[in-house]
Amino acid sequence: MVTIAELLSRGLRYLEGTSPSPRLDSEILLRHALACPRSHLIAHPEEVVPRTLAWRYARQLCQRRKGVPIAYLTGEREFWSLRLRVDPATLIPRPETEDLVALALSFIPSNAEWRVADLGTGSGAIALAVATERPYCEVVAVDSSANALAVARQNAKDHDVRNISFLASDWFKALHGESFDLVLANPPYIADGDPRLEAEVLDYEPFQALIAGETGFEALERIAEDALCHLAAGGYLIMEHGPGQSARLVEFLGSLGYHSVASHHDLNGHDRIIQGQIIRNR
């Protein structure tokens, strides 16, 4: 016989020193094991937990102590108020990426019928956030991973988002002759061997969604170049990038002929997003 309060106490002690947020982690994992809201744990600390569920919780605590990300243990992550499925085939959506969504939405009028491409969609987080906020837009989400696309399609189905389509493609490769008013991307931008990369991230999240190559700029620069052939007149390119990369990207986009090139900070004050616009005669 073990209660919610006792399990939370055990979980906290077990994760201390191995997790940056042991109390939160233990609450999330117990909420997941019991299939209840977190508020239930607070309101009913004396409730007795069935043995099978207590064992499930204990197994997940073991996995968390080894470094497995919480999102992979629960199979979900909230992004832009959308509860999304995630698994090891997809990068776990970060709060910082919501800043990219907010910037994108600031350019799209509420009733616009824009065509929007989301490159390397992963779980579909960016594409679904834009599609739900701008229901008249046509969103095309691409990824080179069939497993990631399966997760993204299921997320669209879960939220009944119908103004979005999914396509297997290595960036623009399968988008022959297609034109977009807005191209979005959160590509890999970490250099191989970067010592700042956390072991938890490198050990569990998909390598191809993290590591760009020797410099970290490989995917960013390729997308910026190829987007020139896919952006309509007046169209925007918006990409997430890593700390310390903005100066080179601003210069690079300017050299390609992009206008209104600007770098934006995330909520933590770090350079995070680059934008550029294509000006052509229609």
C-alpha atoms as a PDB file:
ATOM      1  CA  MET A   1       0.000   0.000   0.000  1.00  0.00           C
ATOM      2  CA  VAL A   2       1.611   3.232  -1.171  1.00  0.00           C
ATOM      3  CA  THR A   3       0.101   6.687  -1.566  1.00  0.00           C
ATOM      4  CA  ILE A   4       0.596   9.451  -4.109  1.00  0.00           C
ATOM      5  CA  ALA A   5       2.504  11.525  -1.536  1.00  0.00           C
ATOM      6  CA  GLU A   6       4.848   8.638  -0.742  1.00  0.00           C
ATOM      7  CA  LEU A   7       5.564   7.939  -4.413  1.00  0.00           C
ATOM      8  CA  LEU A   8       6.302  11.588  -5.113  1.00  0.00           C
ATOM      9  CA  SER A   9       8.657  11.725  -2.153  1.00  0.00           C
ATOM     10  CA  ARG A  10      10.466   8.590  -3.315  1.00  0.00           C
ATOM     11  CA  GLY A  11      10.683   9.927  -6.875  1.00  0.00           C
ATOM     12  CA  LEU A  12      12.128  13.235  -5.717  1.00  0.00           C
ATOM     13  CA  ARG A  13      14.833  11.530  -3.654  1.00  0.00           C
ATOM     14  CA  TYR A  14      15.635   9.075  -6.470  1.00  0.00           C
ATOM     15  CA  LEU A  15      16.108  11.791  -9.090  1.00  0.00           C
ATOM     16  CA  GLU A  16      17.968  14.330  -6.962  1.00  0.00           C
ATOM     17  CA  GLY A  17      21.429  14.916  -8.380  1.00  0.00           C
ATOM     18  CA  THR A  18      20.586  13.294 -11.726  1.00  0.00           C
ATOM     19  CA  SER A  19      17.908  15.664 -13.029  1.00  0.00           C
ATOM     20  CA  PRO A  20      17.821  19.479 -13.097  1.00  0.00           C
ATOM     21  CA  SER A  21      14.160  19.387 -12.020  1.00  0.00           C
ATOM     22  CA  PRO A  22      13.609  16.260  -9.890  1.00  0.00           C
ATOM     23  CA  ARG A  23      10.368  17.425  -8.274  1.00  0.00           C
ATOM     24  CA  LEU A  24       8.756  18.409 -11.573  1.00  0.00           C
ATOM     25  CA  ASP A  25       9.983  15.237 -13.269  1.00  0.00           C
ATOM     26  CA  SER A  26       8.579  13.001 -10.544  1.00  0.00           C
ATOM     27  CA  GLU A  27       5.205  14.763 -10.724  1.00  0.00           C
ATOM     28  CA  ILE A  28       5.024  14.539 -14.510  1.00  0.00           C
ATOM     29  CA  LEU A  29       5.895  10.849 -14.529  1.00  0.00           C
ATOM     30  CA  LEU A  30       3.386   9.990 -11.807  1.00  0.00           C
ATOM     31  CA  ARG A  31       0.675  12.007 -13.552  1.00  0.00           C
ATOM     32  CA  HIS A  32       1.443  10.060 -16.715  1.00  0.00           C
ATOM     33  CA  ALA A  33       1.409   6.691 -14.926  1.00  0.00           C
ATOM     34  CA  LEU A  34      -1.949   7.462 -13.287  1.00  0.00           C
ATOM     35  CA  ALA A  35      -3.409   9.152 -16.414  1.00  0.00           C
ATOM     36  CA  CYS A  36      -4.581  12.070 -14.314  1.00  0.00           C
ATOM     37  CA  PRO A  37      -3.981  15.840 -14.301  1.00  0.00           C
ATOM     38  CA  ARG A  38      -1.118  17.147 -12.195  1.00  0.00           C
ATOM     39  CA  SER A  39      -3.638  18.968 -10.002  1.00  0.00           C
ATOM     40  CA  HIS A  40      -5.013  15.569  -8.919  1.00  0.00           C
ATOM     41  CA  LEU A  41      -1.662  14.719  -7.340  1.00  0.00           C
ATOM     42  CA  ILE A  42      -1.797  17.872  -5.252  1.00  0.00           C
ATOM     43  CA  ALA A  43      -5.457  17.499  -4.262  1.00  0.00           C
ATOM     44  CA  HIS A  44      -5.294  13.803  -3.308  1.00  0.00           C
ATOM     45  CA  PRO A  45      -1.882  13.051  -1.718  1.00  0.00           C
ATOM     46  CA  GLU A  46      -3.394  10.330   0.480  1.00  0.00           C
ATOM     47  CA  GLU A  47      -4.842   8.320  -2.431  1.00  0.00           C
ATOM     48  CA  VAL A  48      -3.544   4.758  -2.609  1.00  0.00           C
ATOM     49  CA  VAL A  49      -1.922   3.860  -5.924  1.00  0.00           C
ATOM     50  CA  PRO A  50      -2.459   0.372  -7.422  1.00  0.00           C
ATOM     51  CA  ARG A  51       0.687  -1.737  -7.380  1.00  0.00           C
ATOM     52  CA  THR A  52       0.868  -2.130 -11.162  1.00  0.00           C
ATOM     53  CA  LEU A  53       0.812   1.655 -11.634  1.00  0.00           C
ATOM     54  CA  ALA A  54       3.403   2.168  -8.904  1.00  0.00           C
ATOM     55  CA  TRP A  55       5.678  -0.297 -10.729  1.00  0.00           C
ATOM     56  CA  ARG A  56       5.124   1.561 -14.006  1.00  0.00           C
ATOM     57  CA  TYR A  57       6.114   4.791 -12.281  1.00  0.00           C
ATOM     58  CA  ALA A  58       9.219   3.171 -10.798  1.00  0.00           C
ATOM     59  CA  ARG A  59      10.347   1.866 -14.197  1.00  0.00           C
ATOM     60  CA  GLN A  60      10.022   5.320 -15.721  1.00  0.00           C
ATOM     61  CA  LEU A  61      11.947   6.868 -12.842  1.00  0.00           C
ATOM     62  CA  CYS A  62      14.780   4.451 -13.640  1.00  0.00           C
ATOM     63  CA  GLN A  63      14.742   5.514 -17.276  1.00  0.00           C
ATOM     64  CA  ARG A  64      14.693   9.191 -16.320  1.00  0.00           C
ATOM     65  CA  ARG A  65      17.635   8.699 -13.968  1.00  0.00           C
ATOM     66  CA  LYS A  66      19.578   7.236 -16.907  1.00  0.00           C
ATOM     67  CA  GLY A  67      18.903  10.442 -18.849  1.00  0.00           C
ATOM     68  CA  VAL A  68      15.957   9.517 -21.070  1.00  0.00           C
ATOM     69  CA  PRO A  69      14.082  12.799 -21.789  1.00  0.00           C
ATOM     70  CA  ILE A  70      10.750  13.237 -20.054  1.00  0.00           C
ATOM     71  CA  ALA A  71       8.990  13.818 -23.388  1.00  0.00           C
ATOM     72  CA  TYR A  72      10.074  10.416 -24.683  1.00  0.00           C
ATOM     73  CA  LEU A  73       8.927   8.718 -21.485  1.00  0.00           C
ATOM     74  CA  THR A  74       5.464  10.300 -21.635  1.00  0.00           C
ATOM     75  CA  GLY A  75       5.288  10.295 -25.439  1.00  0.00           C
ATOM     76  CA  GLU A  76       4.090  13.886 -25.576  1.00  0.00           C
ATOM     77  CA  ARG A  77       5.125  17.521 -25.369  1.00  0.00           C
ATOM     78  CA  GLU A  78       3.069  20.714 -25.290  1.00  0.00           C
ATOM     79  CA  PHE A  79       3.898  23.299 -27.943  1.00  0.00           C
ATOM     80  CA  TRP A  80       1.889  26.426 -28.720  1.00  0.00           C
ATOM     81  CA  SER A  81      -0.939  25.075 -26.533  1.00  0.00           C
ATOM     82  CA  LEU A  82      -1.014  21.898 -28.626  1.00  0.00           C
ATOM     83  CA  ARG A  83      -0.336  18.575 -26.935  1.00  0.00           C
ATOM     84  CA  LEU A  84       1.837  16.766 -29.462  1.00  0.00           C
ATOM     85  CA  ARG A  85       3.009  13.193 -29.714  1.00  0.00           C
ATOM     86  CA  VAL A  86       6.789  12.767 -29.822  1.00  0.00           C
ATOM     87  CA  ASP A  87       9.080   9.783 -30.000  1.00  0.00           C
ATOM     88  CA  PRO A  88      12.799   9.178 -30.614  1.00  0.00           C
ATOM     89  CA  ALA A  89      12.272   9.764 -34.364  1.00  0.00           C
ATOM     90  CA  THR A  90      11.423  13.404 -33.684  1.00  0.00           C
ATOM     91  CA  LEU A  91      13.251  16.276 -32.072  1.00  0.00           C
ATOM     92  CA  ILE A  92      11.534  17.381 -28.865  1.00  0.00           C
ATOM     93  CA  PRO A  93       9.920  20.812 -29.515  1.00  0.00           C
ATOM     94  CA  ARG A  94      11.537  23.582 -27.465  1.00  0.00           C
ATOM     95  CA  PRO A  95       9.871  26.674 -26.000  1.00  0.00           C
ATOM     96  CA  GLU A  96      12.359  28.832 -27.937  1.00  0.00           C
ATOM     97  CA  THR A  97      10.889  27.595 -31.212  1.00  0.00           C
ATOM     98  CA  GLU A  98       7.578  29.206 -30.271  1.00  0.00           C
ATOM     99  CA  ASP A  99       9.362  32.525 -30.904  1.00  0.00           C
ATOM    100  CA  LEU A 100       9.818  31.461 -34.538  1.00  0.00           C
ATOM    101  CA  VAL A 101       6.083  30.709 -34.770  1.00  0.00           C
ATOM    102  CA  ALA A 102       5.218  34.090 -33.238  1.00  0.00           C
ATOM    103  CA  LEU A 103       7.438  35.901 -35.762  1.00  0.00           C
ATOM    104  CA  ALA A 104       5.944  33.951 -38.662  1.00  0.00           C
ATOM    105  CA  LEU A 105       2.402  34.774 -37.563  1.00  0.00           C
ATOM    106  CA  SER A 106       3.273  38.461 -37.297  1.00  0.00           C
ATOM    107  CA  PHE A 107       3.878  38.471 -41.070  1.00  0.00           C
ATOM    108  CA  ILE A 108       0.774  36.486 -42.077  1.00  0.00           C
ATOM    109  CA  PRO A 109      -2.507  38.454 -42.100  1.00  0.00           C
ATOM    110  CA  SER A 110      -5.261  36.635 -40.204  1.00  0.00           C
ATOM    111  CA  ASN A 111      -7.304  35.910 -43.344  1.00  0.00           C
ATOM    112  CA  ALA A 112      -4.360  35.337 -45.706  1.00  0.00           C
ATOM    113  CA  GLU A 113      -4.317  32.407 -48.107  1.00  0.00           C
ATOM    114  CA  TRP A 114      -0.566  32.039 -48.123  1.00  0.00           C
ATOM    115  CA  ARG A 115       1.357  28.922 -49.036  1.00  0.00           C
ATOM    116  CA  VAL A 116       3.719  28.053 -46.202  1.00  0.00           C
ATOM    117  CA  ALA A 117       6.468  25.435 -46.185  1.00  0.00           C
ATOM    118  CA  ASP A 118       7.891  23.937 -42.997  1.00  0.00           C
ATOM    119  CA  LEU A 119      11.186  22.182 -43.737  1.00  0.00           C
ATOM    120  CA  GLY A 120      12.284  19.373 -41.429  1.00  0.00           C
ATOM    121  CA  THR A 121       8.936  19.325 -39.688  1.00  0.00           C
ATOM    122  CA  GLY A 122       9.735  16.528 -37.192  1.00  0.00           C
ATOM    123  CA  SER A 123       6.698  16.187 -34.928  1.00  0.00           C
ATOM    124  CA  GLY A 124       4.932  18.845 -37.011  1.00  0.00           C
ATOM    125  CA  ALA A 125       5.089  21.414 -34.192  1.00  0.00           C
ATOM    126  CA  ILE A 126       5.793  24.520 -36.287  1.00  0.00           C
ATOM    127  CA  ALA A 127       3.529  23.528 -39.167  1.00  0.00           C
ATOM    128  CA  LEU A 128       0.604  22.664 -36.887  1.00  0.00           C
ATOM    129  CA  ALA A 129       0.944  25.856 -34.857  1.00  0.00           C
ATOM    130  CA  VAL A 130       0.848  27.987 -38.021  1.00  0.00           C
ATOM    131  CA  ALA A 131      -1.942  25.939 -39.602  1.00  0.00           C
ATOM    132  CA  THR A 132      -4.173  26.228 -36.547  1.00  0.00           C
ATOM    133  CA  GLU A 133      -3.585  29.973 -36.174  1.00  0.00           C
ATOM    134  CA  ARG A 134      -3.980  30.716 -39.898  1.00  0.00           C
ATOM    135  CA  PRO A 135      -6.706  28.330 -41.130  1.00  0.00           C
ATOM    136  CA  TYR A 136      -6.876  29.868 -44.628  1.00  0.00           C
ATOM    137  CA  CYS A 137      -3.223  29.145 -45.323  1.00  0.00           C
ATOM    138  CA  GLU A 138      -2.002  26.016 -47.087  1.00  0.00           C
ATOM    139  CA  VAL A 139       0.851  24.505 -45.083  1.00  0.00           C
ATOM    140  CA  VAL A 140       3.222  21.945 -46.592  1.00  0.00           C
ATOM    141  CA  ALA A 141       5.335  20.090 -44.025  1.00  0.00           C
ATOM    142  CA  VAL A 142       8.308  18.065 -45.248  1.00  0.00           C
ATOM    143  CA  ASP A 143      10.810  15.758 -43.604  1.00  0.00           C
ATOM    144  CA  SER A 144      13.302  13.196 -44.837  1.00  0.00           C
ATOM    145  CA  SER A 145      12.326  10.770 -42.048  1.00  0.00           C
ATOM    146  CA  ALA A 146       9.331   8.542 -42.735  1.00  0.00           C
ATOM    147  CA  ASN A 147       9.007   7.819 -39.014  1.00  0.00           C
ATOM    148  CA  ALA A 148       8.913  11.524 -38.144  1.00  0.00           C
ATOM    149  CA  LEU A 149       6.277  12.138 -40.814  1.00  0.00           C
ATOM    150  CA  ALA A 150       4.128   9.376 -39.336  1.00  0.00           C
ATOM    151  CA  VAL A 151       4.223  11.154 -35.964  1.00  0.00           C
ATOM    152  CA  ALA A 152       3.436  14.520 -37.571  1.00  0.00           C
ATOM    153  CA  ARG A 153       0.499  13.103 -39.526  1.00  0.00           C
ATOM    154  CA  GLN A 154      -0.926  11.586 -36.349  1.00  0.00           C
ATOM    155  CA  ASN A 155      -0.581  14.925 -34.555  1.00  0.00           C
ATOM    156  CA  ALA A 156      -2.511  16.634 -37.357  1.00  0.00           C
ATOM    157  CA  LYS A 157      -5.195  13.955 -37.096  1.00  0.00           C
ATOM    158  CA  ASP A 158      -5.359  14.292 -33.308  1.00  0.00           C
ATOM    159  CA  HIS A 159      -6.036  18.026 -33.615  1.00  0.00           C
ATOM    160  CA  ASP A 160      -8.194  17.757 -36.746  1.00  0.00           C
ATOM    161  CA  VAL A 161      -5.936  20.129 -38.701  1.00  0.00           C
ATOM    162  CA  ARG A 162      -6.883  19.845 -42.361  1.00  0.00           C
ATOM    163  CA  ASN A 163      -5.068  22.731 -44.069  1.00  0.00           C
ATOM    164  CA  ILE A 164      -1.772  20.878 -43.939  1.00  0.00           C
ATOM    165  CA  SER A 165      -0.132  18.231 -46.092  1.00  0.00           C
ATOM    166  CA  PHE A 166       2.957  16.119 -45.473  1.00  0.00           C
ATOM    167  CA  LEU A 167       5.668  15.136 -47.919  1.00  0.00           C
ATOM    168  CA  ALA A 168       8.820  13.065 -47.740  1.00  0.00           C
ATOM    169  CA  SER A 169      11.606  15.348 -48.902  1.00  0.00           C
ATOM    170  CA  ASP A 170      15.183  16.302 -48.201  1.00  0.00           C
ATOM    171  CA  TRP A 171      14.517  20.034 -47.752  1.00  0.00           C
ATOM    172  CA  PHE A 172      13.222  21.311 -51.130  1.00  0.00           C
ATOM    173  CA  LYS A 173      14.180  18.245 -53.170  1.00  0.00           C
ATOM    174  CA  ALA A 174      10.611  16.953 -53.710  1.00  0.00           C
ATOM    175  CA  LEU A 175       9.110  20.448 -54.106  1.00  0.00           C
ATOM    176  CA  HIS A 176       9.962  20.864 -57.767  1.00  0.00           C
ATOM    177  CA  GLY A 177       8.583  24.129 -59.178  1.00  0.00           C
ATOM    178  CA  GLU A 178       6.544  24.917 -56.059  1.00  0.00           C
ATOM    179  CA  SER A 179       6.380  28.464 -54.766  1.00  0.00           C
ATOM    180  CA  PHE A 180       5.695  29.686 -51.220  1.00  0.00           C
ATOM    181  CA  ASP A 181       4.938  32.964 -49.529  1.00  0.00           C
ATOM    182  CA  LEU A 182       6.753  31.839 -46.402  1.00  0.00           C
ATOM    183  CA  VAL A 183       9.410  29.213 -45.773  1.00  0.00           C
ATOM    184  CA  LEU A 184      10.059  28.141 -42.187  1.00  0.00           C
ATOM    185  CA  ALA A 185      12.779  25.865 -40.876  1.00  0.00           C
ATOM    186  CA  ASN A 186      14.299  24.716 -37.626  1.00  0.00           C
ATOM    187  CA  PRO A 187      17.136  22.749 -39.203  1.00  0.00           C
ATOM    188  CA  PRO A 188      20.139  21.129 -37.540  1.00  0.00           C
ATOM    189  CA  TYR A 189      22.582  23.899 -36.641  1.00  0.00           C
ATOM    190  CA  ILE A 190      25.012  22.282 -34.207  1.00  0.00           C
ATOM    191  CA  ALA A 191      28.589  21.615 -35.295  1.00  0.00           C
ATOM    192  CA  ASP A 192      29.847  18.063 -34.994  1.00  0.00           C
ATOM    193  CA  GLY A 193      31.752  17.765 -31.728  1.00  0.00           C
ATOM    194  CA  ASP A 194      30.324  20.939 -30.157  1.00  0.00           C
ATOM    195  CA  PRO A 195      31.131  20.527 -26.427  1.00  0.00           C
ATOM    196  CA  ARG A 196      28.062  22.566 -25.422  1.00  0.00           C
ATOM    197  CA  LEU A 197      25.695  19.831 -26.582  1.00  0.00           C
ATOM    198  CA  GLU A 198      24.172  18.107 -23.569  1.00  0.00           C
ATOM    199  CA  ALA A 199      24.694  14.362 -23.326  1.00  0.00           C
ATOM    200  CA  GLU A 200      20.958  13.813 -22.752  1.00  0.00           C
ATOM    201  CA  VAL A 201      20.218  15.475 -26.080  1.00  0.00           C
ATOM    202  CA  LEU A 202      22.972  13.766 -28.056  1.00  0.00           C
ATOM    203  CA  ASP A 203      22.283  10.318 -26.602  1.00  0.00           C
ATOM    204  CA  TYR A 204      18.531  10.242 -27.193  1.00  0.00           C
ATOM    205  CA  GLU A 205      17.349  12.766 -29.792  1.00  0.00           C
ATOM    206  CA  PRO A 206      17.759  12.066 -33.539  1.00  0.00           C
ATOM    207  CA  PHE A 207      21.317  12.851 -34.646  1.00  0.00           C
ATOM    208  CA  GLN A 208      20.260  14.029 -38.096  1.00  0.00           C
ATOM    209  CA  ALA A 209      17.955  16.658 -36.569  1.00  0.00           C
ATOM    210  CA  LEU A 210      20.749  18.066 -34.402  1.00  0.00           C
ATOM    211  CA  ILE A 211      24.124  17.895 -36.115  1.00  0.00           C
ATOM    212  CA  ALA A 212      24.539  19.929 -39.300  1.00  0.00           C
ATOM    213  CA  GLY A 213      28.137  19.087 -40.089  1.00  0.00           C
ATOM    214  CA  GLU A 214      31.606  20.396 -39.425  1.00  0.00           C
ATOM    215  CA  THR A 215      30.616  24.061 -39.091  1.00  0.00           C
ATOM    216  CA  GLY A 216      26.962  23.940 -38.004  1.00  0.00           C
ATOM    217  CA  PHE A 217      25.968  26.192 -40.921  1.00  0.00           C
ATOM    218  CA  GLU A 218      25.587  23.514 -43.594  1.00  0.00           C
ATOM    219  CA  ALA A 219      21.784  23.117 -43.472  1.00  0.00           C
ATOM    220  CA  LEU A 220      21.084  26.801 -42.768  1.00  0.00           C
ATOM    221  CA  GLU A 221      23.079  27.979 -45.766  1.00  0.00           C
ATOM    222  CA  ARG A 222      21.742  25.299 -48.093  1.00  0.00           C
ATOM    223  CA  ILE A 223      18.144  26.162 -47.218  1.00  0.00           C
ATOM    224  CA  ALA A 224      18.787  29.885 -47.671  1.00  0.00           C
ATOM    225  CA  GLU A 225      20.272  29.279 -51.128  1.00  0.00           C
ATOM    226  CA  ASP A 226      17.606  26.853 -52.329  1.00  0.00           C
ATOM    227  CA  ALA A 227      14.755  28.989 -50.985  1.00  0.00           C
ATOM    228  CA  LEU A 228      15.601  31.619 -53.610  1.00  0.00           C
ATOM    229  CA  CYS A 229      13.984  29.331 -56.199  1.00  0.00           C
ATOM    230  CA  HIS A 230      10.889  28.649 -54.102  1.00  0.00           C
ATOM    231  CA  LEU A 231       9.895  31.990 -52.604  1.00  0.00           C
ATOM    232  CA  ALA A 232       7.234  34.084 -54.283  1.00  0.00           C
ATOM    233  CA  ALA A 233       7.784  37.806 -54.757  1.00  0.00           C
ATOM    234  CA  GLY A 234       7.760  39.416 -51.337  1.00  0.00           C
ATOM    235  CA  GLY A 235       8.064  36.033 -49.645  1.00  0.00           C
ATOM    236  CA  TYR A 236       9.900  35.475 -46.365  1.00  0.00           C
ATOM    237  CA  LEU A 237      12.425  32.948 -45.150  1.00  0.00           C
ATOM    238  CA  ILE A 238      12.535  32.455 -41.362  1.00  0.00           C
ATOM    239  CA  MET A 239      14.953  30.004 -39.738  1.00  0.00           C
ATOM    240  CA  GLU A 240      15.923  29.099 -36.202  1.00  0.00           C
ATOM    241  CA  HIS A 241      19.665  28.987 -35.527  1.00  0.00           C
ATOM    242  CA  GLY A 242      22.085  28.547 -32.664  1.00  0.00           C
ATOM    243  CA  PRO A 243      23.872  31.011 -30.387  1.00  0.00           C
ATOM    244  CA  GLY A 244      26.662  32.939 -32.067  1.00  0.00           C
ATOM    245  CA  GLN A 245      25.505  32.210 -35.624  1.00  0.00           C
ATOM    246  CA  SER A 246      23.502  35.364 -36.368  1.00  0.00           C
ATOM    247  CA  ALA A 247      26.305  37.616 -37.653  1.00  0.00           C
ATOM    248  CA  ARG A 248      27.435  35.119 -40.295  1.00  0.00           C
ATOM    249  CA  LEU A 249      23.856  34.393 -41.333  1.00  0.00           C
ATOM    250  CA  VAL A 250      22.943  38.080 -41.662  1.00  0.00           C
ATOM    251  CA  GLU A 251      25.955  38.570 -43.929  1.00  0.00           C
ATOM    252  CA  PHE A 252      25.236  35.381 -45.890  1.00  0.00           C
ATOM    253  CA  LEU A 253      21.569  36.183 -46.557  1.00  0.00           C
ATOM    254  CA  GLY A 254      22.540  39.698 -47.609  1.00  0.00           C
ATOM    255  CA  SER A 255      25.080  38.289 -50.065  1.00  0.00           C
ATOM    256  CA  LEU A 256      22.350  36.122 -51.623  1.00  0.00           C
ATOM    257  CA  GLY A 257      20.150  39.161 -52.262  1.00  0.00           C
ATOM    258  CA  TYR A 258      17.690  38.872 -49.392  1.00  0.00           C
ATOM    259  CA  HIS A 259      16.159  42.113 -48.159  1.00  0.00           C
ATOM    260  CA  SER A 260      14.937  43.083 -44.677  1.00  0.00           C
ATOM    261  CA  VAL A 261      17.488  40.700 -43.186  1.00  0.00           C
ATOM    262  CA  ALA A 262      17.251  40.733 -39.394  1.00  0.00           C
ATOM    263  CA  SER A 263      18.185  38.620 -36.397  1.00  0.00           C
ATOM    264  CA  HIS A 264      15.790  38.157 -33.477  1.00  0.00           C
ATOM    265  CA  HIS A 265      16.358  37.162 -29.857  1.00  0.00           C
ATOM    266  CA  ASP A 266      14.441  34.466 -28.037  1.00  0.00           C
ATOM    267  CA  LEU A 267      12.826  35.056 -24.646  1.00  0.00           C
ATOM    268  CA  ASN A 268      16.163  34.306 -22.966  1.00  0.00           C
ATOM    269  CA  GLY A 269      17.878  37.094 -24.884  1.00  0.00           C
ATOM    270  CA  HIS A 270      19.884  34.799 -27.171  1.00  0.00           C
ATOM    271  CA  ASP A 271      20.164  35.269 -30.941  1.00  0.00           C
ATOM    272  CA  ARG A 272      17.803  32.602 -32.230  1.00  0.00           C
ATOM    273  CA  ILE A 273      15.957  33.501 -35.456  1.00  0.00           C
ATOM    274  CA  ILE A 274      17.014  34.906 -38.823  1.00  0.00           C
ATOM    275  CA  GLN A 275      14.652  36.398 -41.383  1.00  0.00           C
ATOM    276  CA  GLY A 276      15.020  37.551 -44.971  1.00  0.00           C
ATOM    277  CA  GLN A 277      12.655  38.667 -47.720  1.00  0.00           C
ATOM    278  CA  ILE A 278      12.755  38.245 -51.473  1.00  0.00           C
ATOM    279  CA  ILE A 279      11.812  41.283 -53.550  1.00  0.00           C
ATOM    280  CA  ARG A 280      11.015  40.587 -57.188  1.00  0.00           C
ATOM    281  CA  ASN A 281       8.802  42.062 -59.869  1.00  0.00           C
ATOM    282  CA  ARG A 282       5.586  40.078 -59.929  1.00  0.00           C
END
